[in-house]
Amino acid sequence: MNDIQKYCGKIYGKTYSELVMIEPETYAQKEAIRETLIETMKKFPDADAADIWHAVYSAHVHRKSGIIDTDTIARVISADQSWKKSSGHAFEEMIKSLASSALKDDGIEIVLQRDLNMMIKAGELSNEPRDISWLKEQVRSGVFDLYAVVSRDDGRKFCYGCIQSKTSIRDRVTRDREPSLQAMRSFFWSVIIVLDGDFLRLPKFIAMVNGGTTEYPNNGWHGLYVFSEKFSGGRIYPVNLDFGVFREHALTAANYWLSQRQWFNEAWRADIS
């Protein structure tokens, strides 16, 4: 067991043990995953994010499966299922927390799908009726995990961005790409944030993001943000815990969306607008 695995096990165990005394297990393990990921990325800033994620997974399975006995296989399967359910939500909430913190002075908030649904029901958004109708469809389908909301100086709020957050999108990239294309063609900022960028080693996946090939002539997102420097290029940008690049792009997109939305199509780029 290496230092990252040991540290993950320590943080996960401590966080889970403290929370499960006062919260339901599903909440405790989701928060333990999120907290362990953030704290381990801080502790080992030069480590590959994907390696840290796998170490958090190991800590989760170790806690969930318990001692080795005749029930081990069934318990590991149960642990894996609970990991898949909790880890995705934990990653979404981590993105919401870190991105909103980076944008707190810019009048922009990153909200979860359920948050947007509540804002729509409460009539808090000033988007045109056509937008509201389209956003309701996205909430019902669950294709986007988070949304970007900007507040104007007059206090009116607008949802201008759709965000997918994935630990890895290798197996789902085709399904994820199509709704992004639809969002861009509906004049929304559409981006994706990915933890494990290993799939970007393959030209096919780079083309699905950047376009420029016979199979994928157009870009699939306005930008893909990955927790790694080694996959950068075109519309693929590195991101870390301070969300610096993402913040700049989110602010640029919001300003452009508010002033020149009619030109906010899939060809728009934050880094050259």
Foldseek 3Di string as FASTA:
>chain_A
DDPLLVQLLVQLVVQLVVPVVPDPNLVSNLQSLLVSLVVSCVVCVPDASLVSNVSNLVSQLPVQQDDDDPCNVVSSVVSVVSCVVRPQVSQLVLCQVLLCVLCVVPQKHKAFLVVVVVCLVVVQAPDDPVVSVVSVVCSVVVLFGIWMWGADPVGHIHTAATEHEEQDCLPPLVVNLVVQQVSQQVLGAYEYEYEDPPSLVDPVVVCQAQAVDPVGNAHSHLAYEYCDPVNDDHRYHYADSNRVVVNQQSSQSVVCCVPPSVPRHRVDHSVPD
